[in-house]
Amino acid sequence: MLAKTNEANQSSWLTSYYFIRFAVAAAWVLLAFTVASTMPSLAAIMLVAYPAWDALANFVDAQRSGGLSRNKTQLLNFVISIITTAAVAIALGKSMNAVLAVFGVWAVLSGLFQLATAVRRWKSGAQWAMVLSGAQSALAGIFFVKMAGSAATVGITDVAPYAAFGAFYFLVSAVWLTVSDARRKAAEAAG
C-alpha cells in the first residue's frame, strides 16, 4: 500500500512539475518572439535566466524525488545549468554567436542528462516524451554549435524554437500522466 501511495505521490509531483515547466517555457518563447526580439536588454536577461531556471527546476525536482545524491543525472544537469548561466552572461559580452555556442554545448549535455533521467524514471510513466526531448535537445545543441560558427546573424529567436519543443514535450508528459492517473483511479474505483 505504501508503494502505491509513493507512486501516486511521485506521479502527482511529476504532473505538476511538467505543467509548470511547460508554462514557464511557453511564456519564455512567447516573450522571445514578441517583446525580446526587439529589446536586446530583455533578450540578454532571458538568455541568462533560461539555464538558471533549468538549474532551479532540476534542483527542486531532484529534492522532491529523493535528493541530489540519489539523482546523479539531475545533479549533473543542475551543475551544468549553473555553469551555463555564468557562461551565457560572459558570452553576452562577446557576441550572440558565442551565446549560441554556449547554449549548444549546454543543450547537448542537459539533453543527455534529461534522457538518462527519463530512462531511470521509466516506470513513472510518460517518460518516452522526456527521452525524445532529451535526444532532440542534444541534436539541437549540435546544430547550435554549428550555427554559432557560421557568419549568420543570430538572436534570441534562434533559441526560442528549442524552448518551444521543450515546452511541447513537457506538456505531452503532463497530459499523459494526467490521463494515466485518471484511468488508474477509475480502474481502482471499479475494482
N, C-alpha and C. Protein backbone atom coordinates (compact mmCIF):
# COMPACT_ATOMS: atom_id res chain seq x y z
N MET A 1 0.82 -1.20 0.00
CA MET A 1 0.00 0.00 0.00
C MET A 1 0.86 1.27 0.00
N LEU A 2 1.95 1.24 0.80
CA LEU A 2 2.85 2.38 0.87
C LEU A 2 3.51 2.63 -0.49
N ALA A 3 3.87 1.56 -1.19
CA ALA A 3 4.48 1.69 -2.52
C ALA A 3 3.53 2.37 -3.49
N LYS A 4 2.23 1.99 -3.43
CA LYS A 4 1.23 2.62 -4.31
C LYS A 4 1.07 4.10 -3.97
N THR A 5 1.09 4.42 -2.67
CA THR A 5 0.97 5.81 -2.25
C THR A 5 2.18 6.62 -2.74
N ASN A 6 3.38 6.05 -2.61
CA ASN A 6 4.58 6.73 -3.10
C ASN A 6 4.54 6.93 -4.61
N GLU A 7 4.09 5.91 -5.33
CA GLU A 7 3.96 6.03 -6.79
C GLU A 7 2.95 7.11 -7.16
N ALA A 8 1.83 7.15 -6.46
CA ALA A 8 0.81 8.17 -6.73
C ALA A 8 1.34 9.56 -6.42
N ASN A 9 2.08 9.69 -5.32
CA ASN A 9 2.67 10.99 -4.97
C ASN A 9 3.69 11.43 -6.01
N GLN A 10 4.51 10.48 -6.46
CA GLN A 10 5.52 10.80 -7.47
C GLN A 10 4.85 11.19 -8.78
N SER A 11 3.81 10.47 -9.16
CA SER A 11 3.09 10.78 -10.39
C SER A 11 2.44 12.16 -10.30
N SER A 12 1.85 12.45 -9.15
CA SER A 12 1.23 13.76 -8.93
C SER A 12 2.27 14.87 -9.00
N TRP A 13 3.43 14.64 -8.37
CA TRP A 13 4.50 15.63 -8.41
C TRP A 13 4.97 15.86 -9.84
N LEU A 14 5.24 14.76 -10.58
CA LEU A 14 5.73 14.90 -11.95
C LEU A 14 4.72 15.61 -12.84
N THR A 15 3.44 15.33 -12.64
CA THR A 15 2.41 16.00 -13.43
C THR A 15 2.47 17.50 -13.20
N SER A 16 2.48 17.91 -11.94
CA SER A 16 2.55 19.34 -11.61
C SER A 16 3.85 19.95 -12.13
N TYR A 17 4.94 19.25 -11.92
CA TYR A 17 6.25 19.72 -12.35
C TYR A 17 6.27 19.93 -13.87
N TYR A 18 5.76 18.97 -14.62
CA TYR A 18 5.77 19.09 -16.08
C TYR A 18 4.86 20.21 -16.56
N PHE A 19 3.71 20.41 -15.91
CA PHE A 19 2.85 21.53 -16.28
C PHE A 19 3.54 22.87 -16.00
N ILE A 20 4.25 22.97 -14.89
CA ILE A 20 4.97 24.20 -14.57
C ILE A 20 6.08 24.44 -15.58
N ARG A 21 6.84 23.38 -15.89
CA ARG A 21 7.92 23.53 -16.88
C ARG A 21 7.34 23.97 -18.23
N PHE A 22 6.19 23.40 -18.62
CA PHE A 22 5.55 23.82 -19.86
C PHE A 22 5.19 25.29 -19.82
N ALA A 23 4.53 25.72 -18.75
CA ALA A 23 4.06 27.11 -18.65
C ALA A 23 5.22 28.10 -18.70
N VAL A 24 6.28 27.83 -17.97
CA VAL A 24 7.42 28.74 -17.97
C VAL A 24 8.08 28.79 -19.35
N ALA A 25 8.28 27.63 -19.95
CA ALA A 25 8.90 27.59 -21.28
C ALA A 25 8.03 28.28 -22.32
N ALA A 26 6.72 28.05 -22.27
CA ALA A 26 5.82 28.68 -23.23
C ALA A 26 5.82 30.20 -23.07
N ALA A 27 5.83 30.67 -21.84
CA ALA A 27 5.89 32.12 -21.60
C ALA A 27 7.21 32.69 -22.12
N TRP A 28 8.31 31.96 -21.90
CA TRP A 28 9.62 32.39 -22.37
C TRP A 28 9.62 32.51 -23.89
N VAL A 29 9.07 31.52 -24.55
CA VAL A 29 9.02 31.52 -26.02
C VAL A 29 8.17 32.68 -26.53
N LEU A 30 7.04 32.89 -25.92
CA LEU A 30 6.16 33.99 -26.31
C LEU A 30 6.88 35.33 -26.18
N LEU A 31 7.54 35.54 -25.05
CA LEU A 31 8.30 36.78 -24.85
C LEU A 31 9.45 36.90 -25.85
N ALA A 32 10.11 35.79 -26.14
CA ALA A 32 11.24 35.80 -27.07
C ALA A 32 10.82 36.24 -28.47
N PHE A 33 9.69 35.73 -28.93
CA PHE A 33 9.25 36.05 -30.29
C PHE A 33 8.56 37.41 -30.39
N THR A 34 8.12 37.95 -29.28
CA THR A 34 7.40 39.23 -29.33
C THR A 34 8.29 40.37 -28.82
N VAL A 35 8.33 40.55 -27.55
CA VAL A 35 9.00 41.69 -26.95
C VAL A 35 10.52 41.61 -27.03
N ALA A 36 11.09 40.48 -26.63
CA ALA A 36 12.55 40.36 -26.52
C ALA A 36 13.27 40.43 -27.85
N SER A 37 12.59 40.08 -28.93
CA SER A 37 13.25 40.11 -30.24
C SER A 37 13.63 41.53 -30.65
N THR A 38 13.00 42.52 -30.06
CA THR A 38 13.31 43.92 -30.38
C THR A 38 13.91 44.67 -29.19
N MET A 39 14.12 43.98 -28.07
CA MET A 39 14.70 44.61 -26.88
C MET A 39 15.91 43.81 -26.43
N PRO A 40 17.10 44.17 -26.90
CA PRO A 40 18.30 43.40 -26.58
C PRO A 40 18.55 43.22 -25.08
N SER A 41 18.23 44.20 -24.27
CA SER A 41 18.47 44.05 -22.83
C SER A 41 17.56 42.98 -22.23
N LEU A 42 16.31 42.94 -22.65
CA LEU A 42 15.39 41.90 -22.17
C LEU A 42 15.83 40.53 -22.71
N ALA A 43 16.25 40.49 -23.96
CA ALA A 43 16.74 39.23 -24.53
C ALA A 43 17.93 38.71 -23.73
N ALA A 44 18.83 39.60 -23.36
CA ALA A 44 20.01 39.18 -22.58
C ALA A 44 19.59 38.61 -21.23
N ILE A 45 18.67 39.27 -20.55
CA ILE A 45 18.17 38.77 -19.26
C ILE A 45 17.53 37.41 -19.43
N MET A 46 16.73 37.26 -20.48
CA MET A 46 16.04 35.99 -20.72
C MET A 46 17.02 34.87 -21.05
N LEU A 47 18.07 35.20 -21.80
CA LEU A 47 19.05 34.17 -22.16
C LEU A 47 19.84 33.70 -20.94
N VAL A 48 20.09 34.57 -20.00
CA VAL A 48 20.74 34.18 -18.75
C VAL A 48 19.76 33.41 -17.86
N ALA A 49 18.52 33.86 -17.85
CA ALA A 49 17.50 33.25 -16.97
C ALA A 49 17.14 31.83 -17.40
N TYR A 50 17.22 31.52 -18.69
CA TYR A 50 16.78 30.21 -19.18
C TYR A 50 17.55 29.06 -18.54
N PRO A 51 18.88 29.03 -18.59
CA PRO A 51 19.59 27.93 -17.92
C PRO A 51 19.50 28.03 -16.39
N ALA A 52 19.34 29.25 -15.86
CA ALA A 52 19.18 29.40 -14.40
C ALA A 52 17.88 28.74 -13.96
N TRP A 53 16.82 28.94 -14.72
CA TRP A 53 15.53 28.30 -14.43
C TRP A 53 15.65 26.79 -14.52
N ASP A 54 16.37 26.30 -15.52
CA ASP A 54 16.56 24.86 -15.67
C ASP A 54 17.30 24.30 -14.45
N ALA A 55 18.30 25.03 -13.98
CA ALA A 55 19.05 24.59 -12.79
C ALA A 55 18.12 24.50 -11.59
N LEU A 56 17.32 25.55 -11.38
CA LEU A 56 16.38 25.56 -10.25
C LEU A 56 15.37 24.42 -10.37
N ALA A 57 14.82 24.23 -11.55
CA ALA A 57 13.82 23.18 -11.76
C ALA A 57 14.41 21.80 -11.49
N ASN A 58 15.62 21.55 -11.98
CA ASN A 58 16.26 20.26 -11.72
C ASN A 58 16.55 20.06 -10.24
N PHE A 59 16.97 21.11 -9.58
CA PHE A 59 17.25 21.03 -8.15
C PHE A 59 15.98 20.68 -7.36
N VAL A 60 14.90 21.40 -7.62
CA VAL A 60 13.64 21.16 -6.91
C VAL A 60 13.11 19.76 -7.21
N ASP A 61 13.14 19.37 -8.48
CA ASP A 61 12.65 18.04 -8.84
C ASP A 61 13.48 16.95 -8.16
N ALA A 62 14.78 17.11 -8.16
CA ALA A 62 15.63 16.11 -7.51
C ALA A 62 15.34 16.05 -6.01
N GLN A 63 15.15 17.19 -5.38
CA GLN A 63 14.84 17.22 -3.95
C GLN A 63 13.52 16.50 -3.67
N ARG A 64 12.55 16.68 -4.54
CA ARG A 64 11.24 16.03 -4.37
C ARG A 64 11.29 14.54 -4.71
N SER A 65 12.37 14.12 -5.35
CA SER A 65 12.49 12.73 -5.80
C SER A 65 13.61 11.99 -5.09
N GLY A 66 13.92 12.39 -3.87
CA GLY A 66 14.91 11.66 -3.09
C GLY A 66 16.22 12.39 -2.86
N GLY A 67 16.37 13.58 -3.42
CA GLY A 67 17.59 14.36 -3.20
C GLY A 67 18.59 14.22 -4.33
N LEU A 68 19.51 15.15 -4.38
CA LEU A 68 20.52 15.17 -5.44
C LEU A 68 21.45 13.96 -5.38
N SER A 69 21.71 13.46 -4.17
CA SER A 69 22.62 12.31 -4.05
C SER A 69 22.02 11.04 -4.65
N ARG A 70 20.70 10.96 -4.71
CA ARG A 70 20.03 9.79 -5.31
C ARG A 70 19.71 10.00 -6.79
N ASN A 71 19.90 11.21 -7.26
CA ASN A 71 19.55 11.56 -8.64
C ASN A 71 20.74 12.22 -9.32
N LYS A 72 21.75 11.40 -9.60
CA LYS A 72 23.02 11.92 -10.14
C LYS A 72 22.86 12.66 -11.46
N THR A 73 21.98 12.18 -12.33
CA THR A 73 21.81 12.86 -13.61
C THR A 73 21.23 14.26 -13.42
N GLN A 74 20.34 14.40 -12.44
CA GLN A 74 19.80 15.73 -12.17
C GLN A 74 20.83 16.61 -11.46
N LEU A 75 21.66 16.02 -10.63
CA LEU A 75 22.75 16.77 -10.02
C LEU A 75 23.67 17.31 -11.11
N LEU A 76 24.04 16.47 -12.06
CA LEU A 76 24.89 16.91 -13.16
C LEU A 76 24.20 17.97 -14.01
N ASN A 77 22.90 17.80 -14.26
CA ASN A 77 22.14 18.78 -15.02
C ASN A 77 22.08 20.11 -14.27
N PHE A 78 21.90 20.04 -12.96
CA PHE A 78 21.90 21.24 -12.11
C PHE A 78 23.23 21.97 -12.22
N VAL A 79 24.32 21.24 -12.07
CA VAL A 79 25.66 21.84 -12.10
C VAL A 79 25.95 22.45 -13.47
N ILE A 80 25.67 21.71 -14.56
CA ILE A 80 25.96 22.23 -15.90
C ILE A 80 25.08 23.44 -16.21
N SER A 81 23.87 23.47 -15.68
CA SER A 81 22.99 24.62 -15.91
C SER A 81 23.48 25.86 -15.16
N ILE A 82 24.02 25.67 -13.96
CA ILE A 82 24.60 26.80 -13.21
C ILE A 82 25.81 27.34 -13.96
N ILE A 83 26.68 26.45 -14.41
CA ILE A 83 27.87 26.87 -15.17
C ILE A 83 27.44 27.59 -16.45
N THR A 84 26.43 27.07 -17.11
CA THR A 84 25.93 27.68 -18.34
C THR A 84 25.37 29.07 -18.09
N THR A 85 24.69 29.25 -16.98
CA THR A 85 24.15 30.57 -16.64
C THR A 85 25.28 31.60 -16.61
N ALA A 86 26.36 31.26 -15.94
CA ALA A 86 27.52 32.16 -15.87
C ALA A 86 28.16 32.32 -17.24
N ALA A 87 28.28 31.23 -17.98
CA ALA A 87 28.92 31.28 -19.30
C ALA A 87 28.11 32.14 -20.28
N VAL A 88 26.79 32.06 -20.21
CA VAL A 88 25.95 32.89 -21.08
C VAL A 88 26.15 34.37 -20.73
N ALA A 89 26.18 34.67 -19.45
CA ALA A 89 26.39 36.06 -19.03
C ALA A 89 27.73 36.59 -19.57
N ILE A 90 28.76 35.78 -19.53
CA ILE A 90 30.06 36.18 -20.06
C ILE A 90 30.03 36.29 -21.58
N ALA A 91 29.42 35.30 -22.23
CA ALA A 91 29.35 35.28 -23.70
C ALA A 91 28.57 36.46 -24.26
N LEU A 92 27.61 36.97 -23.50
CA LEU A 92 26.84 38.13 -23.96
C LEU A 92 27.74 39.34 -24.21
N GLY A 93 28.86 39.39 -23.50
CA GLY A 93 29.81 40.48 -23.71
C GLY A 93 30.65 40.31 -24.97
N LYS A 94 30.59 39.14 -25.57
CA LYS A 94 31.37 38.87 -26.78
C LYS A 94 30.49 39.00 -28.02
N SER A 95 29.53 38.09 -28.15
CA SER A 95 28.64 38.11 -29.31
C SER A 95 27.49 37.13 -29.09
N MET A 96 26.45 37.29 -29.90
CA MET A 96 25.34 36.33 -29.84
C MET A 96 25.78 34.97 -30.39
N ASN A 97 26.75 34.96 -31.28
CA ASN A 97 27.26 33.68 -31.77
C ASN A 97 27.92 32.92 -30.63
N ALA A 98 28.64 33.64 -29.74
CA ALA A 98 29.26 33.00 -28.58
C ALA A 98 28.17 32.47 -27.64
N VAL A 99 27.10 33.25 -27.48
CA VAL A 99 25.98 32.80 -26.63
C VAL A 99 25.37 31.54 -27.22
N LEU A 100 25.17 31.52 -28.53
CA LEU A 100 24.58 30.35 -29.17
C LEU A 100 25.48 29.12 -29.02
N ALA A 101 26.79 29.33 -29.08
CA ALA A 101 27.72 28.21 -28.89
C ALA A 101 27.60 27.66 -27.47
N VAL A 102 27.49 28.55 -26.48
CA VAL A 102 27.32 28.11 -25.08
C VAL A 102 26.00 27.35 -24.95
N PHE A 103 24.93 27.89 -25.53
CA PHE A 103 23.63 27.20 -25.50
C PHE A 103 23.74 25.83 -26.16
N GLY A 104 24.50 25.76 -27.23
CA GLY A 104 24.65 24.49 -27.93
C GLY A 104 25.30 23.42 -27.08
N VAL A 105 26.41 23.76 -26.44
CA VAL A 105 27.09 22.80 -25.57
C VAL A 105 26.16 22.40 -24.42
N TRP A 106 25.49 23.38 -23.85
CA TRP A 106 24.55 23.11 -22.75
C TRP A 106 23.41 22.20 -23.21
N ALA A 107 22.86 22.48 -24.40
CA ALA A 107 21.74 21.68 -24.91
C ALA A 107 22.14 20.22 -25.09
N VAL A 108 23.36 20.00 -25.57
CA VAL A 108 23.83 18.62 -25.73
C VAL A 108 23.91 17.94 -24.37
N LEU A 109 24.61 18.57 -23.43
CA LEU A 109 24.81 17.94 -22.11
C LEU A 109 23.51 17.80 -21.34
N SER A 110 22.74 18.87 -21.26
CA SER A 110 21.49 18.78 -20.48
C SER A 110 20.50 17.83 -21.14
N GLY A 111 20.53 17.76 -22.46
CA GLY A 111 19.66 16.81 -23.15
C GLY A 111 20.01 15.37 -22.82
N LEU A 112 21.31 15.08 -22.79
CA LEU A 112 21.74 13.72 -22.44
C LEU A 112 21.40 13.39 -20.98
N PHE A 113 21.55 14.36 -20.08
CA PHE A 113 21.19 14.14 -18.68
C PHE A 113 19.69 13.96 -18.52
N GLN A 114 18.91 14.73 -19.29
CA GLN A 114 17.45 14.59 -19.24
C GLN A 114 17.04 13.21 -19.75
N LEU A 115 17.66 12.78 -20.83
CA LEU A 115 17.38 11.46 -21.39
C LEU A 115 17.69 10.38 -20.35
N ALA A 116 18.84 10.48 -19.70
CA ALA A 116 19.22 9.49 -18.68
C ALA A 116 18.26 9.51 -17.49
N THR A 117 17.81 10.70 -17.10
CA THR A 117 16.83 10.80 -16.01
C THR A 117 15.52 10.13 -16.40
N ALA A 118 15.09 10.34 -17.63
CA ALA A 118 13.84 9.74 -18.10
C ALA A 118 13.94 8.22 -18.14
N VAL A 119 15.07 7.70 -18.58
CA VAL A 119 15.25 6.24 -18.60
C VAL A 119 15.18 5.69 -17.18
N ARG A 120 15.83 6.39 -16.24
CA ARG A 120 15.80 5.95 -14.84
C ARG A 120 14.38 5.99 -14.27
N ARG A 121 13.57 6.94 -14.72
CA ARG A 121 12.20 7.10 -14.23
C ARG A 121 11.17 6.38 -15.08
N TRP A 122 11.57 5.53 -15.96
CA TRP A 122 10.68 4.94 -16.96
C TRP A 122 9.37 4.44 -16.35
N LYS A 123 9.42 3.79 -15.20
CA LYS A 123 8.22 3.22 -14.58
C LYS A 123 7.24 4.29 -14.11
N SER A 124 7.69 5.54 -13.99
CA SER A 124 6.80 6.63 -13.55
C SER A 124 5.77 6.99 -14.61
N GLY A 125 6.01 6.60 -15.84
CA GLY A 125 5.08 6.88 -16.93
C GLY A 125 5.41 8.18 -17.65
N ALA A 126 5.03 8.25 -18.90
CA ALA A 126 5.19 9.42 -19.77
C ALA A 126 6.64 9.80 -20.02
N GLN A 127 7.55 8.90 -19.73
CA GLN A 127 8.97 9.23 -19.88
C GLN A 127 9.45 9.12 -21.32
N TRP A 128 8.68 8.46 -22.17
CA TRP A 128 9.05 8.39 -23.58
C TRP A 128 9.17 9.79 -24.17
N ALA A 129 8.30 10.70 -23.75
CA ALA A 129 8.36 12.08 -24.25
C ALA A 129 9.61 12.78 -23.74
N MET A 130 10.02 12.48 -22.51
CA MET A 130 11.23 13.08 -21.96
C MET A 130 12.48 12.50 -22.63
N VAL A 131 12.43 11.23 -23.01
CA VAL A 131 13.53 10.63 -23.77
C VAL A 131 13.66 11.33 -25.11
N LEU A 132 12.53 11.52 -25.81
CA LEU A 132 12.56 12.24 -27.08
C LEU A 132 13.06 13.66 -26.90
N SER A 133 12.59 14.31 -25.86
CA SER A 133 13.02 15.69 -25.59
C SER A 133 14.52 15.76 -25.35
N GLY A 134 15.04 14.86 -24.55
CA GLY A 134 16.48 14.84 -24.29
C GLY A 134 17.29 14.60 -25.54
N ALA A 135 16.85 13.65 -26.35
CA ALA A 135 17.56 13.35 -27.59
C ALA A 135 17.50 14.53 -28.55
N GLN A 136 16.34 15.14 -28.66
CA GLN A 136 16.20 16.29 -29.56
C GLN A 136 17.02 17.47 -29.05
N SER A 137 17.09 17.65 -27.74
CA SER A 137 17.92 18.71 -27.17
C SER A 137 19.38 18.52 -27.56
N ALA A 138 19.87 17.29 -27.44
CA ALA A 138 21.26 17.01 -27.80
C ALA A 138 21.51 17.31 -29.28
N LEU A 139 20.59 16.90 -30.14
CA LEU A 139 20.75 17.17 -31.57
C LEU A 139 20.68 18.67 -31.87
N ALA A 140 19.76 19.37 -31.21
CA ALA A 140 19.66 20.82 -31.39
C ALA A 140 20.94 21.51 -30.94
N GLY A 141 21.53 21.01 -29.88
CA GLY A 141 22.78 21.58 -29.39
C GLY A 141 23.89 21.50 -30.43
N ILE A 142 23.98 20.36 -31.10
CA ILE A 142 24.98 20.21 -32.17
C ILE A 142 24.71 21.23 -33.28
N PHE A 143 23.44 21.41 -33.62
CA PHE A 143 23.06 22.39 -34.64
C PHE A 143 23.43 23.80 -34.18
N PHE A 144 23.18 24.13 -32.90
CA PHE A 144 23.53 25.45 -32.37
C PHE A 144 25.02 25.72 -32.48
N VAL A 145 25.83 24.75 -32.11
CA VAL A 145 27.28 24.93 -32.17
C VAL A 145 27.72 25.17 -33.61
N LYS A 146 27.16 24.40 -34.53
CA LYS A 146 27.49 24.59 -35.95
C LYS A 146 27.04 25.97 -36.43
N MET A 147 25.83 26.36 -36.06
CA MET A 147 25.30 27.67 -36.46
C MET A 147 26.12 28.81 -35.86
N ALA A 148 26.57 28.63 -34.63
CA ALA A 148 27.36 29.67 -33.95
C ALA A 148 28.67 29.93 -34.67
N GLY A 149 29.20 28.93 -35.34
CA GLY A 149 30.45 29.08 -36.07
C GLY A 149 30.30 29.70 -37.45
N SER A 150 29.07 29.92 -37.86
CA SER A 150 28.83 30.50 -39.19
C SER A 150 28.80 32.03 -39.09
N ALA A 151 28.66 32.66 -40.24
CA ALA A 151 28.60 34.12 -40.28
C ALA A 151 27.17 34.63 -40.11
N ALA A 152 26.23 33.73 -39.91
CA ALA A 152 24.82 34.13 -39.78
C ALA A 152 24.61 35.00 -38.55
N THR A 153 23.72 35.97 -38.69
CA THR A 153 23.34 36.80 -37.56
C THR A 153 22.33 36.01 -36.74
N VAL A 154 22.60 35.87 -35.45
CA VAL A 154 21.72 35.08 -34.59
C VAL A 154 21.18 35.96 -33.47
N GLY A 155 20.07 35.49 -32.89
CA GLY A 155 19.44 36.21 -31.79
C GLY A 155 18.60 35.27 -30.96
N ILE A 156 17.84 35.84 -30.07
CA ILE A 156 17.02 35.03 -29.15
C ILE A 156 16.00 34.19 -29.91
N THR A 157 15.55 34.67 -31.07
CA THR A 157 14.56 33.90 -31.83
C THR A 157 15.16 32.63 -32.44
N ASP A 158 16.49 32.51 -32.42
CA ASP A 158 17.11 31.26 -32.86
C ASP A 158 17.10 30.21 -31.74
N VAL A 159 17.01 30.67 -30.50
CA VAL A 159 16.95 29.77 -29.34
C VAL A 159 15.49 29.40 -29.03
N ALA A 160 14.58 30.30 -29.35
CA ALA A 160 13.16 30.11 -28.97
C ALA A 160 12.53 28.82 -29.49
N PRO A 161 12.79 28.38 -30.73
CA PRO A 161 12.19 27.11 -31.15
C PRO A 161 12.65 25.92 -30.29
N TYR A 162 13.89 25.96 -29.86
CA TYR A 162 14.41 24.93 -28.95
C TYR A 162 13.58 24.89 -27.67
N ALA A 163 13.32 26.07 -27.11
CA ALA A 163 12.50 26.16 -25.90
C ALA A 163 11.05 25.73 -26.17
N ALA A 164 10.56 26.04 -27.37
CA ALA A 164 9.18 25.66 -27.73
C ALA A 164 9.03 24.15 -27.78
N PHE A 165 10.02 23.46 -28.36
CA PHE A 165 9.95 22.00 -28.39
C PHE A 165 10.00 21.43 -26.97
N GLY A 166 10.83 22.02 -26.12
CA GLY A 166 10.88 21.59 -24.72
C GLY A 166 9.53 21.75 -24.06
N ALA A 167 8.89 22.91 -24.29
CA ALA A 167 7.56 23.16 -23.73
C ALA A 167 6.57 22.10 -24.19
N PHE A 168 6.62 21.79 -25.48
CA PHE A 168 5.73 20.79 -26.05
C PHE A 168 5.89 19.44 -25.36
N TYR A 169 7.12 19.00 -25.19
CA TYR A 169 7.37 17.69 -24.57
C TYR A 169 6.93 17.67 -23.10
N PHE A 170 7.14 18.78 -22.40
CA PHE A 170 6.66 18.84 -21.01
C PHE A 170 5.14 18.77 -20.97
N LEU A 171 4.47 19.44 -21.90
CA LEU A 171 3.01 19.39 -21.95
C LEU A 171 2.53 17.97 -22.26
N VAL A 172 3.15 17.32 -23.23
CA VAL A 172 2.77 15.94 -23.58
C VAL A 172 2.90 15.04 -22.35
N SER A 173 4.01 15.15 -21.64
CA SER A 173 4.22 14.31 -20.45
C SER A 173 3.19 14.59 -19.37
N ALA A 174 2.90 15.88 -19.16
CA ALA A 174 1.92 16.25 -18.12
C ALA A 174 0.53 15.72 -18.47
N VAL A 175 0.12 15.88 -19.71
CA VAL A 175 -1.20 15.39 -20.13
C VAL A 175 -1.24 13.87 -20.07
N TRP A 176 -0.18 13.22 -20.51
CA TRP A 176 -0.11 11.75 -20.49
C TRP A 176 -0.27 11.24 -19.05
N LEU A 177 0.46 11.86 -18.12
CA LEU A 177 0.36 11.46 -16.71
C LEU A 177 -1.03 11.73 -16.14
N THR A 178 -1.63 12.85 -16.53
CA THR A 178 -2.98 13.19 -16.06
C THR A 178 -3.99 12.14 -16.51
N VAL A 179 -3.92 11.78 -17.78
CA VAL A 179 -4.85 10.77 -18.33
C VAL A 179 -4.59 9.41 -17.69
N SER A 180 -3.32 9.05 -17.56
CA SER A 180 -2.98 7.76 -16.93
C SER A 180 -3.47 7.69 -15.49
N ASP A 181 -3.32 8.78 -14.77
CA ASP A 181 -3.77 8.83 -13.38
C ASP A 181 -5.30 8.71 -13.31
N ALA A 182 -6.00 9.40 -14.20
CA ALA A 182 -7.47 9.31 -14.22
C ALA A 182 -7.92 7.88 -14.54
N ARG A 183 -7.25 7.23 -15.46
CA ARG A 183 -7.59 5.85 -15.80
C ARG A 183 -7.33 4.91 -14.62
N ARG A 184 -6.20 5.12 -13.95
CA ARG A 184 -5.86 4.28 -12.79
C ARG A 184 -6.90 4.46 -11.70
N LYS A 185 -7.30 5.68 -11.43
CA LYS A 185 -8.31 5.94 -10.39
C LYS A 185 -9.66 5.33 -10.76
N ALA A 186 -10.01 5.41 -12.02
CA ALA A 186 -11.28 4.82 -12.50
C ALA A 186 -11.24 3.30 -12.35
N ALA A 187 -10.11 2.70 -12.66
CA ALA A 187 -9.97 1.25 -12.53
C ALA A 187 -10.02 0.82 -11.07
N GLU A 188 -9.40 1.60 -10.18
CA GLU A 188 -9.44 1.29 -8.75
C GLU A 188 -10.86 1.42 -8.20
N ALA A 189 -11.59 2.43 -8.66
CA ALA A 189 -12.96 2.63 -8.20
C ALA A 189 -13.88 1.52 -8.68
N ALA A 190 -13.64 1.03 -9.91
CA ALA A 190 -14.47 -0.03 -10.48
C ALA A 190 -14.11 -1.40 -9.89
N GLY A 191 -12.84 -1.53 -9.43
CA GLY A 191 -12.40 -2.83 -8.96
C GLY A 191 -12.69 -3.03 -7.54
